[in-house]
Amino acid sequence: MWHIIRNLNGEPVPPIEQKIRSLRTAMGWSREELARKLEVSLSSVNRWELYNVTPSPLARRELEKLFKKAGIS
């Protein structure tokens, strides 16, 4: 069963795969470019976006930095 996660304002928080895809499209990057920027494999980015696999803590920190730059919360 899926649960909607909400932030402190009660707004729904998108799943990580949606945030990653939004980041890529907002920045005009391919999956390959995002992988290069994060210093991870292309297959890692594919797993995050396509199979709902959670990025490692290190990759997640780097993604959060990129989200902030792109204005994605």
C-alpha atoms as a PDB file:
ATOM      1  CA  MET A   1       0.000   0.000   0.000  1.00  0.00           C
ATOM      2  CA  TRP A   2       1.296   3.463  -0.930  1.00  0.00           C
ATOM      3  CA  HIS A   3       1.220   6.294   1.573  1.00  0.00           C
ATOM      4  CA  ILE A   4       1.390   9.958   0.683  1.00  0.00           C
ATOM      5  CA  ILE A   5       4.174  11.664   2.579  1.00  0.00           C
ATOM      6  CA  ARG A   6       3.493  15.268   3.517  1.00  0.00           C
ATOM      7  CA  ASN A   7       5.830  18.053   4.572  1.00  0.00           C
ATOM      8  CA  LEU A   8       5.320  20.278   7.624  1.00  0.00           C
ATOM      9  CA  ASN A   9       2.913  22.484   5.638  1.00  0.00           C
ATOM     10  CA  GLY A  10       0.743  19.475   4.800  1.00  0.00           C
ATOM     11  CA  GLU A  11       1.766  19.498   1.131  1.00  0.00           C
ATOM     12  CA  PRO A  12       2.461  16.139  -0.519  1.00  0.00           C
ATOM     13  CA  VAL A  13       6.139  15.339  -1.026  1.00  0.00           C
ATOM     14  CA  PRO A  14       6.885  13.618  -4.342  1.00  0.00           C
ATOM     15  CA  PRO A  15       8.686  10.273  -4.277  1.00  0.00           C
ATOM     16  CA  ILE A  16      12.439  10.434  -4.868  1.00  0.00           C
ATOM     17  CA  GLU A  17      12.159   9.061  -8.411  1.00  0.00           C
ATOM     18  CA  GLN A  18       9.852  11.954  -9.384  1.00  0.00           C
ATOM     19  CA  LYS A  19      12.194  14.488  -7.803  1.00  0.00           C
ATOM     20  CA  ILE A  20      15.184  13.059  -9.660  1.00  0.00           C
ATOM     21  CA  ARG A  21      13.322  13.097 -12.974  1.00  0.00           C
ATOM     22  CA  SER A  22      12.121  16.671 -12.299  1.00  0.00           C
ATOM     23  CA  LEU A  23      15.676  17.738 -11.524  1.00  0.00           C
ATOM     24  CA  ARG A  24      17.029  16.220 -14.712  1.00  0.00           C
ATOM     25  CA  THR A  25      14.382  17.745 -16.937  1.00  0.00           C
ATOM     26  CA  ALA A  26      14.598  21.157 -15.236  1.00  0.00           C
ATOM     27  CA  MET A  27      18.339  21.200 -15.815  1.00  0.00           C
ATOM     28  CA  GLY A  28      18.107  19.700 -19.314  1.00  0.00           C
ATOM     29  CA  TRP A  29      20.309  16.739 -18.382  1.00  0.00           C
ATOM     30  CA  SER A  30      20.220  13.167 -19.571  1.00  0.00           C
ATOM     31  CA  ARG A  31      20.482  10.333 -17.060  1.00  0.00           C
ATOM     32  CA  GLU A  32      24.055   9.919 -18.189  1.00  0.00           C
ATOM     33  CA  GLU A  33      24.866  13.573 -17.451  1.00  0.00           C
ATOM     34  CA  LEU A  34      23.298  13.359 -13.999  1.00  0.00           C
ATOM     35  CA  ALA A  35      25.284  10.195 -13.260  1.00  0.00           C
ATOM     36  CA  ARG A  36      28.486  11.958 -14.285  1.00  0.00           C
ATOM     37  CA  LYS A  37      27.719  14.981 -12.069  1.00  0.00           C
ATOM     38  CA  LEU A  38      27.032  12.721  -9.082  1.00  0.00           C
ATOM     39  CA  GLU A  39      29.972  10.422  -9.877  1.00  0.00           C
ATOM     40  CA  VAL A  40      27.743   7.345  -9.943  1.00  0.00           C
ATOM     41  CA  SER A  41      26.991   4.817 -12.639  1.00  0.00           C
ATOM     42  CA  LEU A  42      24.260   5.292 -15.217  1.00  0.00           C
ATOM     43  CA  SER A  43      22.669   2.097 -13.929  1.00  0.00           C
ATOM     44  CA  SER A  44      22.363   3.707 -10.472  1.00  0.00           C
ATOM     45  CA  VAL A  45      20.415   6.655 -11.887  1.00  0.00           C
ATOM     46  CA  ASN A  46      18.255   4.236 -13.907  1.00  0.00           C
ATOM     47  CA  ARG A  47      17.456   2.228 -10.764  1.00  0.00           C
ATOM     48  CA  TRP A  48      16.549   5.380  -8.837  1.00  0.00           C
ATOM     49  CA  GLU A  49      14.219   6.670 -11.547  1.00  0.00           C
ATOM     50  CA  LEU A  50      12.731   3.485 -12.919  1.00  0.00           C
ATOM     51  CA  TYR A  51      12.685   0.999 -10.058  1.00  0.00           C
ATOM     52  CA  ASN A  52      12.127   3.209  -6.992  1.00  0.00           C
ATOM     53  CA  VAL A  53      15.517   2.314  -5.518  1.00  0.00           C
ATOM     54  CA  THR A  54      16.663   4.807  -2.879  1.00  0.00           C
ATOM     55  CA  PRO A  55      20.036   6.471  -3.520  1.00  0.00           C
ATOM     56  CA  SER A  56      22.846   5.956  -1.018  1.00  0.00           C
ATOM     57  CA  PRO A  57      23.178   8.569   1.744  1.00  0.00           C
ATOM     58  CA  LEU A  58      26.134  10.165  -0.055  1.00  0.00           C
ATOM     59  CA  ALA A  59      24.319  10.332  -3.392  1.00  0.00           C
ATOM     60  CA  ARG A  60      21.215  11.630  -1.624  1.00  0.00           C
ATOM     61  CA  ARG A  61      23.203  14.523  -0.091  1.00  0.00           C
ATOM     62  CA  GLU A  62      24.584  15.426  -3.507  1.00  0.00           C
ATOM     63  CA  LEU A  63      21.115  15.198  -5.035  1.00  0.00           C
ATOM     64  CA  GLU A  64      19.733  17.513  -2.340  1.00  0.00           C
ATOM     65  CA  LYS A  65      22.366  20.106  -3.273  1.00  0.00           C
ATOM     66  CA  LEU A  66      21.312  19.867  -6.914  1.00  0.00           C
ATOM     67  CA  PHE A  67      17.602  20.052  -5.955  1.00  0.00           C
ATOM     68  CA  LYS A  68      18.259  23.301  -4.089  1.00  0.00           C
ATOM     69  CA  LYS A  69      20.135  24.781  -7.054  1.00  0.00           C
ATOM     70  CA  ALA A  70      17.223  23.850  -9.325  1.00  0.00           C
ATOM     71  CA  GLY A  71      14.592  25.128  -6.861  1.00  0.00           C
ATOM     72  CA  ILE A  72      13.071  21.677  -6.364  1.00  0.00           C
ATOM     73  CA  SER A  73      11.921  20.875  -2.832  1.00  0.00           C
END
